[in-house]
């Protein structure tokens, strides 16, 4: 019997958006500029180019280098050769040892609402479990209501306060996912 992650990848590649020749892979140095642009344009679109968000993180321009830390991983999605989005896992400061943060989840506007974000998040959930994490933490903002709704549908639950020291003091939504199985 094949693992669920195999079938998730097959559904994504063969059914979800086959016309776009989509690929998900780990970030490479050449992806830094494109991913930083998607991230910043996304935050600008929602009026969130403000301090206390990833917009001003020094790591935004060097994601490949930032995700060389043990216990971290960053995936990008490509349509052909074009970077169209990404998401990562990062063991942020102050989190419990069994918890990793889902970070920098951004997609180009024309690829939102088509299941790509869900596929990327499931890839991270599967990986977090494989890496030995028991929980996944994330931070968001009310302006990103579609993303928050997607997180809830995947099983993330709202928290009353932040966990850890992410530096994203403008985020007012905190969520936690408990990995099962």
N, C-alpha and C. Protein backbone atom coordinates (compact mmCIF):
# COMPACT_ATOMS: atom_id res chain seq x y z
N UNK A 1 0.85 -1.18 0.00
CA UNK A 1 0.00 0.00 0.00
C UNK A 1 0.89 1.24 0.00
N UNK A 2 0.55 2.22 -0.84
CA UNK A 2 1.33 3.44 -0.95
C UNK A 2 0.90 4.43 0.13
N UNK A 3 1.84 5.23 0.65
CA UNK A 3 1.49 6.21 1.68
C UNK A 3 0.58 7.31 1.12
N UNK A 4 -0.18 7.96 2.03
CA UNK A 4 -1.07 9.04 1.63
C UNK A 4 -0.32 10.15 0.91
N UNK A 5 0.90 10.45 1.35
CA UNK A 5 1.65 11.54 0.73
C UNK A 5 1.89 11.27 -0.76
N UNK A 6 2.07 9.99 -1.13
CA UNK A 6 2.24 9.66 -2.54
C UNK A 6 0.99 10.05 -3.32
N UNK A 7 -0.18 9.69 -2.79
CA UNK A 7 -1.41 9.98 -3.51
C UNK A 7 -1.69 11.46 -3.54
N UNK A 8 -1.36 12.18 -2.48
CA UNK A 8 -1.54 13.63 -2.49
C UNK A 8 -0.71 14.25 -3.61
N UNK A 9 0.52 13.81 -3.76
CA UNK A 9 1.37 14.34 -4.82
C UNK A 9 0.83 13.96 -6.18
N UNK A 10 0.32 12.76 -6.35
CA UNK A 10 -0.23 12.32 -7.63
C UNK A 10 -1.46 13.14 -7.99
N UNK A 11 -2.34 13.36 -7.03
CA UNK A 11 -3.53 14.16 -7.28
C UNK A 11 -3.11 15.56 -7.71
N UNK A 12 -2.15 16.12 -7.02
CA UNK A 12 -1.69 17.47 -7.34
C UNK A 12 -1.12 17.53 -8.75
N UNK A 13 -0.25 16.61 -9.10
CA UNK A 13 0.42 16.67 -10.39
C UNK A 13 -0.47 16.29 -11.56
N UNK A 14 -1.38 15.36 -11.37
CA UNK A 14 -2.11 14.83 -12.50
C UNK A 14 -3.54 15.34 -12.64
N UNK A 15 -4.11 15.85 -11.56
CA UNK A 15 -5.50 16.26 -11.64
C UNK A 15 -5.69 17.73 -11.33
N UNK A 16 -5.04 18.22 -10.32
CA UNK A 16 -5.32 19.57 -9.82
C UNK A 16 -5.09 20.64 -10.88
N UNK A 17 -3.89 20.71 -11.43
CA UNK A 17 -3.58 21.72 -12.43
C UNK A 17 -2.58 21.17 -13.45
N UNK A 18 -2.90 20.12 -14.17
CA UNK A 18 -1.93 19.52 -15.07
C UNK A 18 -1.51 20.44 -16.20
N UNK A 19 -2.38 21.37 -16.58
CA UNK A 19 -2.06 22.24 -17.70
C UNK A 19 -0.93 23.21 -17.38
N UNK A 20 -0.62 23.38 -16.13
CA UNK A 20 0.41 24.33 -15.73
C UNK A 20 1.77 23.69 -15.48
N UNK A 21 1.88 22.37 -15.63
CA UNK A 21 3.16 21.70 -15.43
C UNK A 21 3.77 22.07 -14.08
N UNK A 22 2.99 21.90 -13.01
CA UNK A 22 3.42 22.32 -11.68
C UNK A 22 4.39 21.34 -11.06
N UNK A 23 5.37 21.92 -10.38
CA UNK A 23 6.40 21.15 -9.68
C UNK A 23 6.56 21.78 -8.30
N UNK A 24 6.72 20.94 -7.29
CA UNK A 24 7.08 21.42 -5.94
C UNK A 24 8.44 20.84 -5.62
N UNK A 25 9.35 21.72 -5.20
CA UNK A 25 10.70 21.27 -4.84
C UNK A 25 11.26 22.18 -3.76
N UNK A 26 12.38 21.77 -3.19
CA UNK A 26 13.05 22.61 -2.20
C UNK A 26 13.60 23.86 -2.88
N UNK A 27 13.63 24.93 -2.12
CA UNK A 27 14.15 26.19 -2.64
C UNK A 27 15.62 26.06 -3.00
N UNK A 28 16.01 26.80 -4.02
CA UNK A 28 17.40 26.87 -4.46
C UNK A 28 17.81 28.34 -4.46
N UNK A 29 19.11 28.62 -4.43
CA UNK A 29 19.55 30.03 -4.37
C UNK A 29 18.95 30.90 -5.47
N UNK A 30 18.77 30.37 -6.65
CA UNK A 30 18.25 31.17 -7.77
C UNK A 30 16.78 31.56 -7.57
N UNK A 31 16.10 30.97 -6.57
CA UNK A 31 14.68 31.26 -6.32
C UNK A 31 14.48 32.45 -5.36
N UNK A 32 15.54 32.91 -4.72
CA UNK A 32 15.41 33.94 -3.68
C UNK A 32 14.67 35.18 -4.16
N UNK A 33 15.10 35.77 -5.26
CA UNK A 33 14.52 37.04 -5.71
C UNK A 33 13.05 36.89 -6.08
N UNK A 34 12.71 35.83 -6.80
CA UNK A 34 11.32 35.62 -7.21
C UNK A 34 10.41 35.42 -6.01
N UNK A 35 10.87 34.64 -5.04
CA UNK A 35 10.03 34.37 -3.87
C UNK A 35 9.89 35.61 -3.00
N UNK A 36 10.94 36.41 -2.88
CA UNK A 36 10.86 37.66 -2.11
C UNK A 36 9.86 38.61 -2.77
N UNK A 37 9.84 38.65 -4.09
CA UNK A 37 8.91 39.51 -4.82
C UNK A 37 7.47 39.05 -4.59
N UNK A 38 7.20 37.76 -4.68
CA UNK A 38 5.85 37.24 -4.43
C UNK A 38 5.41 37.57 -3.01
N UNK A 39 6.29 37.36 -2.05
CA UNK A 39 5.97 37.63 -0.64
C UNK A 39 5.62 39.11 -0.44
N UNK A 40 6.47 39.99 -0.92
CA UNK A 40 6.24 41.43 -0.70
C UNK A 40 5.02 41.93 -1.47
N UNK A 41 4.83 41.48 -2.70
CA UNK A 41 3.65 41.91 -3.46
C UNK A 41 2.37 41.41 -2.81
N UNK A 42 2.40 40.22 -2.25
CA UNK A 42 1.23 39.68 -1.55
C UNK A 42 0.88 40.55 -0.35
N UNK A 43 1.87 40.89 0.44
CA UNK A 43 1.60 41.72 1.62
C UNK A 43 1.14 43.12 1.22
N UNK A 44 1.72 43.68 0.16
CA UNK A 44 1.27 44.99 -0.33
C UNK A 44 -0.18 44.93 -0.77
N UNK A 45 -0.56 43.86 -1.46
CA UNK A 45 -1.92 43.68 -1.95
C UNK A 45 -2.95 43.78 -0.83
N UNK A 46 -2.60 43.29 0.35
CA UNK A 46 -3.52 43.28 1.48
C UNK A 46 -3.26 44.43 2.46
N UNK A 47 -2.44 45.39 2.07
CA UNK A 47 -2.14 46.53 2.94
C UNK A 47 -1.29 46.16 4.13
N UNK A 48 -0.45 45.13 3.99
CA UNK A 48 0.32 44.62 5.12
C UNK A 48 1.83 44.80 4.96
N UNK A 49 2.24 45.78 4.18
CA UNK A 49 3.67 46.10 4.07
C UNK A 49 4.02 46.98 5.26
N UNK A 50 3.97 46.35 6.43
CA UNK A 50 4.15 47.08 7.70
C UNK A 50 5.18 46.38 8.56
N UNK A 51 5.79 47.14 9.48
CA UNK A 51 6.72 46.50 10.42
C UNK A 51 6.02 45.39 11.21
N UNK A 52 6.80 44.38 11.58
CA UNK A 52 6.25 43.27 12.34
C UNK A 52 5.66 42.18 11.46
N UNK A 53 5.95 42.25 10.14
CA UNK A 53 5.53 41.21 9.21
C UNK A 53 6.76 40.72 8.45
N UNK A 54 6.58 39.67 7.65
CA UNK A 54 7.68 39.13 6.85
C UNK A 54 8.17 40.12 5.80
N UNK A 55 7.38 41.16 5.54
CA UNK A 55 7.77 42.17 4.56
C UNK A 55 9.14 42.76 4.90
N UNK A 56 9.38 42.95 6.18
CA UNK A 56 10.63 43.57 6.63
C UNK A 56 11.65 42.59 7.21
N UNK A 57 11.34 41.29 7.18
CA UNK A 57 12.31 40.30 7.66
C UNK A 57 13.57 40.36 6.81
N UNK A 58 14.73 40.37 7.45
CA UNK A 58 15.97 40.35 6.67
C UNK A 58 16.12 39.04 5.90
N UNK A 59 15.49 37.99 6.37
CA UNK A 59 15.59 36.69 5.70
C UNK A 59 14.78 36.62 4.40
N UNK A 60 13.87 37.56 4.18
CA UNK A 60 13.00 37.50 3.01
C UNK A 60 13.79 37.50 1.70
N UNK A 61 14.90 38.19 1.66
CA UNK A 61 15.69 38.25 0.42
C UNK A 61 16.68 37.10 0.29
N UNK A 62 16.77 36.29 1.30
CA UNK A 62 17.72 35.17 1.27
C UNK A 62 17.10 33.92 1.91
N UNK A 63 15.96 33.53 1.39
CA UNK A 63 15.24 32.38 1.94
C UNK A 63 16.06 31.10 1.86
N UNK A 64 16.72 30.89 0.75
CA UNK A 64 17.52 29.67 0.62
C UNK A 64 18.52 29.57 1.77
N UNK A 65 19.24 30.63 2.01
CA UNK A 65 20.25 30.62 3.07
C UNK A 65 19.62 30.49 4.46
N UNK A 66 18.47 31.13 4.66
CA UNK A 66 17.79 31.09 5.96
C UNK A 66 17.29 29.70 6.32
N UNK A 67 16.97 28.91 5.30
CA UNK A 67 16.42 27.58 5.54
C UNK A 67 17.47 26.48 5.47
N UNK A 68 18.69 26.82 5.79
CA UNK A 68 19.76 25.82 5.93
C UNK A 68 19.88 25.38 7.39
N UNK A 69 19.06 25.96 8.26
CA UNK A 69 19.05 25.64 9.68
C UNK A 69 18.47 24.23 9.88
N UNK A 70 19.08 23.46 10.77
CA UNK A 70 18.57 22.12 11.07
C UNK A 70 17.12 22.21 11.54
N UNK A 71 16.30 21.30 11.06
CA UNK A 71 14.89 21.27 11.44
C UNK A 71 14.02 22.18 10.59
N UNK A 72 14.59 22.78 9.53
CA UNK A 72 13.83 23.67 8.66
C UNK A 72 13.83 23.14 7.23
N UNK A 73 12.88 23.64 6.45
CA UNK A 73 12.79 23.28 5.04
C UNK A 73 11.87 24.31 4.37
N UNK A 74 12.22 24.70 3.15
CA UNK A 74 11.36 25.62 2.40
C UNK A 74 11.11 25.02 1.02
N UNK A 75 9.83 24.98 0.63
CA UNK A 75 9.42 24.46 -0.66
C UNK A 75 8.91 25.60 -1.53
N UNK A 76 9.21 25.51 -2.80
CA UNK A 76 8.61 26.44 -3.75
C UNK A 76 7.79 25.64 -4.75
N UNK A 77 6.81 26.32 -5.33
CA UNK A 77 6.01 25.76 -6.39
C UNK A 77 6.39 26.47 -7.68
N UNK A 78 6.53 25.69 -8.73
CA UNK A 78 6.89 26.22 -10.04
C UNK A 78 5.82 25.86 -11.05
N UNK A 79 5.54 26.76 -11.95
CA UNK A 79 4.75 26.48 -13.14
C UNK A 79 5.73 26.60 -14.29
N UNK A 80 6.12 25.47 -14.83
CA UNK A 80 7.23 25.48 -15.79
C UNK A 80 8.48 25.88 -15.05
N UNK A 81 9.07 26.99 -15.45
CA UNK A 81 10.28 27.52 -14.78
C UNK A 81 9.96 28.69 -13.87
N UNK A 82 8.69 29.11 -13.81
CA UNK A 82 8.30 30.30 -13.05
C UNK A 82 7.97 29.93 -11.60
N UNK A 83 8.61 30.64 -10.66
CA UNK A 83 8.28 30.49 -9.24
C UNK A 83 6.92 31.14 -9.01
N UNK A 84 5.98 30.37 -8.43
CA UNK A 84 4.62 30.88 -8.23
C UNK A 84 4.19 30.88 -6.77
N UNK A 85 5.06 30.41 -5.87
CA UNK A 85 4.71 30.43 -4.46
C UNK A 85 5.63 29.56 -3.64
N UNK A 86 5.41 29.59 -2.33
CA UNK A 86 6.23 28.79 -1.45
C UNK A 86 5.70 28.77 -0.03
N UNK A 87 6.29 27.87 0.75
CA UNK A 87 5.96 27.73 2.17
C UNK A 87 7.10 26.97 2.84
N UNK A 88 7.29 27.24 4.13
CA UNK A 88 8.36 26.56 4.83
C UNK A 88 8.00 26.14 6.24
N UNK A 89 8.91 25.35 6.79
CA UNK A 89 8.88 24.96 8.21
C UNK A 89 10.15 25.50 8.84
N UNK A 90 10.00 26.09 10.03
CA UNK A 90 11.17 26.67 10.68
C UNK A 90 11.04 26.51 12.20
N UNK A 91 12.12 26.05 12.86
CA UNK A 91 12.08 25.90 14.33
C UNK A 91 12.34 27.25 15.01
N UNK A 92 11.35 28.12 14.99
CA UNK A 92 11.50 29.49 15.49
C UNK A 92 11.88 29.53 16.97
N UNK A 93 12.60 30.58 17.33
CA UNK A 93 13.04 30.76 18.72
C UNK A 93 11.85 30.75 19.67
N UNK A 94 12.03 30.08 20.78
CA UNK A 94 11.04 30.08 21.84
C UNK A 94 9.93 29.06 21.69
N UNK A 95 9.90 28.33 20.58
CA UNK A 95 8.88 27.28 20.44
C UNK A 95 9.29 26.05 21.24
N UNK A 96 8.32 25.28 21.74
CA UNK A 96 8.67 24.01 22.38
C UNK A 96 9.44 23.12 21.40
N UNK A 97 10.24 22.22 21.91
CA UNK A 97 11.06 21.34 21.07
C UNK A 97 10.25 20.50 20.09
N UNK A 98 9.00 20.20 20.44
CA UNK A 98 8.18 19.35 19.57
C UNK A 98 7.34 20.15 18.56
N UNK A 99 7.63 21.45 18.46
CA UNK A 99 6.82 22.34 17.62
C UNK A 99 7.68 23.07 16.60
N UNK A 100 7.18 23.15 15.38
CA UNK A 100 7.84 23.88 14.30
C UNK A 100 6.84 24.91 13.77
N UNK A 101 7.34 25.98 13.20
CA UNK A 101 6.45 27.01 12.66
C UNK A 101 6.28 26.85 11.15
N UNK A 102 5.03 26.97 10.68
CA UNK A 102 4.74 27.06 9.26
C UNK A 102 4.93 28.53 8.89
N UNK A 103 5.84 28.81 7.96
CA UNK A 103 6.24 30.20 7.69
C UNK A 103 6.20 30.53 6.21
N UNK A 104 6.06 31.81 5.97
CA UNK A 104 6.20 32.40 4.64
C UNK A 104 5.43 31.63 3.56
N UNK A 105 4.13 31.48 3.83
CA UNK A 105 3.21 30.83 2.90
C UNK A 105 2.62 31.90 2.00
N UNK A 106 3.11 31.99 0.78
CA UNK A 106 2.66 33.00 -0.17
C UNK A 106 2.55 32.40 -1.56
N UNK A 107 1.49 32.82 -2.29
CA UNK A 107 1.27 32.37 -3.65
C UNK A 107 1.02 33.58 -4.55
N UNK A 108 1.45 33.48 -5.80
CA UNK A 108 1.11 34.49 -6.79
C UNK A 108 -0.42 34.53 -6.91
N UNK A 109 -1.01 35.70 -7.10
CA UNK A 109 -2.48 35.83 -7.10
C UNK A 109 -3.21 34.87 -8.04
N UNK A 110 -2.69 34.64 -9.22
CA UNK A 110 -3.41 33.80 -10.17
C UNK A 110 -3.41 32.32 -9.80
N UNK A 111 -2.67 31.95 -8.77
CA UNK A 111 -2.61 30.54 -8.34
C UNK A 111 -3.32 30.30 -7.01
N UNK A 112 -3.94 31.33 -6.47
CA UNK A 112 -4.69 31.17 -5.22
C UNK A 112 -6.06 30.58 -5.50
N UNK A 113 -6.60 29.87 -4.52
CA UNK A 113 -7.95 29.34 -4.63
C UNK A 113 -8.08 28.13 -5.54
N UNK A 114 -6.97 27.51 -5.88
CA UNK A 114 -6.99 26.36 -6.79
C UNK A 114 -6.46 25.09 -6.15
N UNK A 115 -6.20 25.13 -4.85
CA UNK A 115 -5.72 23.93 -4.16
C UNK A 115 -4.22 23.85 -3.98
N UNK A 116 -3.48 24.76 -4.58
CA UNK A 116 -2.03 24.72 -4.47
C UNK A 116 -1.57 24.99 -3.04
N UNK A 117 -2.16 25.97 -2.38
CA UNK A 117 -1.79 26.26 -1.00
C UNK A 117 -2.04 25.07 -0.08
N UNK A 118 -3.17 24.42 -0.27
CA UNK A 118 -3.50 23.22 0.51
C UNK A 118 -2.47 22.13 0.28
N UNK A 119 -2.08 21.94 -0.98
CA UNK A 119 -1.08 20.93 -1.30
C UNK A 119 0.26 21.25 -0.65
N UNK A 120 0.66 22.50 -0.70
CA UNK A 120 1.93 22.90 -0.07
C UNK A 120 1.87 22.71 1.45
N UNK A 121 0.75 23.08 2.06
CA UNK A 121 0.63 22.91 3.51
C UNK A 121 0.63 21.44 3.90
N UNK A 122 -0.05 20.61 3.14
CA UNK A 122 -0.05 19.16 3.44
C UNK A 122 1.36 18.59 3.31
N UNK A 123 2.11 19.06 2.34
CA UNK A 123 3.49 18.62 2.20
C UNK A 123 4.28 18.97 3.47
N UNK A 124 4.06 20.17 3.99
CA UNK A 124 4.75 20.57 5.22
C UNK A 124 4.27 19.78 6.43
N UNK A 125 2.98 19.51 6.51
CA UNK A 125 2.45 18.72 7.62
C UNK A 125 3.07 17.33 7.60
N UNK A 126 3.09 16.70 6.43
CA UNK A 126 3.70 15.37 6.31
C UNK A 126 5.16 15.40 6.71
N UNK A 127 5.89 16.40 6.22
CA UNK A 127 7.31 16.50 6.52
C UNK A 127 7.55 16.74 8.01
N UNK A 128 6.76 17.62 8.61
CA UNK A 128 6.93 17.91 10.04
C UNK A 128 6.81 16.64 10.87
N UNK A 129 5.83 15.80 10.55
CA UNK A 129 5.68 14.53 11.25
C UNK A 129 6.88 13.63 11.04
N UNK A 130 7.36 13.56 9.81
CA UNK A 130 8.54 12.75 9.50
C UNK A 130 9.77 13.25 10.25
N UNK A 131 9.86 14.55 10.44
CA UNK A 131 11.00 15.15 11.14
C UNK A 131 10.90 14.99 12.66
N UNK A 132 9.78 14.46 13.14
CA UNK A 132 9.63 14.21 14.56
C UNK A 132 8.86 15.28 15.32
N UNK A 133 8.38 16.29 14.63
CA UNK A 133 7.58 17.32 15.30
C UNK A 133 6.19 16.77 15.61
N UNK A 134 5.59 17.26 16.69
CA UNK A 134 4.25 16.86 17.09
C UNK A 134 3.21 17.94 16.81
N UNK A 135 3.70 19.20 16.67
CA UNK A 135 2.78 20.33 16.47
C UNK A 135 3.38 21.31 15.47
N UNK A 136 2.48 22.02 14.80
CA UNK A 136 2.88 23.07 13.86
C UNK A 136 2.16 24.35 14.27
N UNK A 137 2.93 25.38 14.46
CA UNK A 137 2.42 26.70 14.87
C UNK A 137 2.47 27.63 13.67
N UNK A 138 1.53 28.56 13.59
CA UNK A 138 1.60 29.60 12.57
C UNK A 138 1.00 30.89 13.10
N UNK A 139 1.38 31.97 12.43
CA UNK A 139 0.84 33.28 12.75
C UNK A 139 0.28 33.89 11.47
N UNK A 140 -0.80 34.66 11.61
CA UNK A 140 -1.41 35.29 10.46
C UNK A 140 -2.08 36.59 10.89
N UNK A 141 -2.87 37.16 10.00
CA UNK A 141 -3.56 38.42 10.26
C UNK A 141 -4.98 38.37 9.70
N UNK A 142 -5.91 39.13 10.27
CA UNK A 142 -7.31 39.10 9.82
C UNK A 142 -7.46 39.43 8.33
N UNK A 143 -6.59 40.25 7.80
CA UNK A 143 -6.68 40.63 6.38
C UNK A 143 -6.47 39.42 5.46
N UNK A 144 -5.86 38.39 5.96
CA UNK A 144 -5.59 37.18 5.18
C UNK A 144 -6.64 36.11 5.48
N UNK A 145 -7.89 36.54 5.44
CA UNK A 145 -9.01 35.68 5.88
C UNK A 145 -9.13 34.38 5.07
N UNK A 146 -8.82 34.42 3.78
CA UNK A 146 -8.89 33.19 2.98
C UNK A 146 -7.84 32.18 3.44
N UNK A 147 -6.64 32.68 3.76
CA UNK A 147 -5.59 31.80 4.27
C UNK A 147 -5.98 31.22 5.63
N UNK A 148 -6.51 32.06 6.50
CA UNK A 148 -6.93 31.61 7.83
C UNK A 148 -8.01 30.55 7.70
N UNK A 149 -8.94 30.76 6.80
CA UNK A 149 -9.99 29.76 6.56
C UNK A 149 -9.39 28.44 6.08
N UNK A 150 -8.41 28.52 5.19
CA UNK A 150 -7.75 27.29 4.70
C UNK A 150 -7.04 26.57 5.83
N UNK A 151 -6.39 27.32 6.71
CA UNK A 151 -5.70 26.70 7.85
C UNK A 151 -6.70 25.97 8.74
N UNK A 152 -7.83 26.61 9.00
CA UNK A 152 -8.87 25.98 9.82
C UNK A 152 -9.37 24.69 9.18
N UNK A 153 -9.60 24.71 7.88
CA UNK A 153 -10.09 23.52 7.18
C UNK A 153 -9.10 22.37 7.27
N UNK A 154 -7.82 22.68 7.36
CA UNK A 154 -6.81 21.63 7.49
C UNK A 154 -6.65 21.13 8.91
N UNK A 155 -7.28 21.81 9.88
CA UNK A 155 -7.23 21.35 11.25
C UNK A 155 -6.45 22.23 12.21
N UNK A 156 -5.98 23.38 11.76
CA UNK A 156 -5.32 24.31 12.67
C UNK A 156 -6.38 24.92 13.58
N UNK A 157 -6.03 25.07 14.86
CA UNK A 157 -6.95 25.64 15.84
C UNK A 157 -6.41 26.97 16.35
N UNK A 158 -7.33 27.89 16.61
CA UNK A 158 -6.96 29.22 17.10
C UNK A 158 -6.40 29.15 18.52
N UNK A 159 -5.41 29.99 18.79
CA UNK A 159 -4.84 30.15 20.12
C UNK A 159 -5.18 31.53 20.65
N UNK A 160 -5.09 31.71 21.96
CA UNK A 160 -5.39 32.99 22.58
C UNK A 160 -4.20 33.94 22.60
N UNK A 161 -3.01 33.40 22.40
CA UNK A 161 -1.80 34.24 22.46
C UNK A 161 -0.70 33.61 21.62
N UNK A 162 0.32 34.42 21.28
CA UNK A 162 1.42 33.88 20.47
C UNK A 162 2.28 32.91 21.27
N UNK A 163 3.01 32.10 20.52
CA UNK A 163 3.97 31.15 21.10
C UNK A 163 5.33 31.46 20.48
N UNK A 164 6.36 31.49 21.28
CA UNK A 164 7.69 31.71 20.74
C UNK A 164 8.00 33.18 20.49
N UNK A 165 9.12 33.40 19.81
CA UNK A 165 9.62 34.75 19.57
C UNK A 165 9.87 34.95 18.08
N UNK A 166 8.80 35.05 17.31
CA UNK A 166 8.95 35.14 15.85
C UNK A 166 9.35 36.53 15.38
N UNK A 167 9.08 37.54 16.18
CA UNK A 167 9.35 38.91 15.76
C UNK A 167 8.23 39.52 14.94
N UNK A 168 7.18 38.76 14.68
CA UNK A 168 6.06 39.26 13.88
C UNK A 168 4.97 39.82 14.80
N UNK A 169 5.27 40.95 15.41
CA UNK A 169 4.38 41.53 16.40
C UNK A 169 3.09 42.09 15.79
N UNK A 170 3.01 42.24 14.48
CA UNK A 170 1.78 42.69 13.84
C UNK A 170 0.78 41.57 13.63
N UNK A 171 1.21 40.34 13.77
CA UNK A 171 0.29 39.21 13.62
C UNK A 171 -0.59 39.09 14.86
N UNK A 172 -1.88 38.97 14.62
CA UNK A 172 -2.82 38.89 15.74
C UNK A 172 -3.65 37.59 15.72
N UNK A 173 -3.32 36.71 14.80
CA UNK A 173 -3.95 35.39 14.76
C UNK A 173 -2.86 34.36 14.93
N UNK A 174 -3.06 33.47 15.90
CA UNK A 174 -2.07 32.43 16.20
C UNK A 174 -2.82 31.09 16.16
N UNK A 175 -2.21 30.11 15.51
CA UNK A 175 -2.89 28.83 15.33
C UNK A 175 -1.92 27.67 15.57
N UNK A 176 -2.50 26.53 15.91
CA UNK A 176 -1.70 25.34 16.19
C UNK A 176 -2.36 24.12 15.57
N UNK A 177 -1.54 23.28 14.99
CA UNK A 177 -1.97 22.02 14.39
C UNK A 177 -1.28 20.89 15.15
N UNK A 178 -2.05 19.90 15.58
CA UNK A 178 -1.49 18.74 16.25
C UNK A 178 -1.41 17.60 15.24
N UNK A 179 -0.20 17.10 15.05
CA UNK A 179 0.05 16.03 14.08
C UNK A 179 -0.42 14.71 14.69
N UNK A 180 -1.22 13.98 13.94
CA UNK A 180 -1.71 12.69 14.40
C UNK A 180 -1.15 11.59 13.48
N UNK A 181 -0.97 10.42 14.04
CA UNK A 181 -0.53 9.27 13.24
C UNK A 181 0.86 9.26 12.86
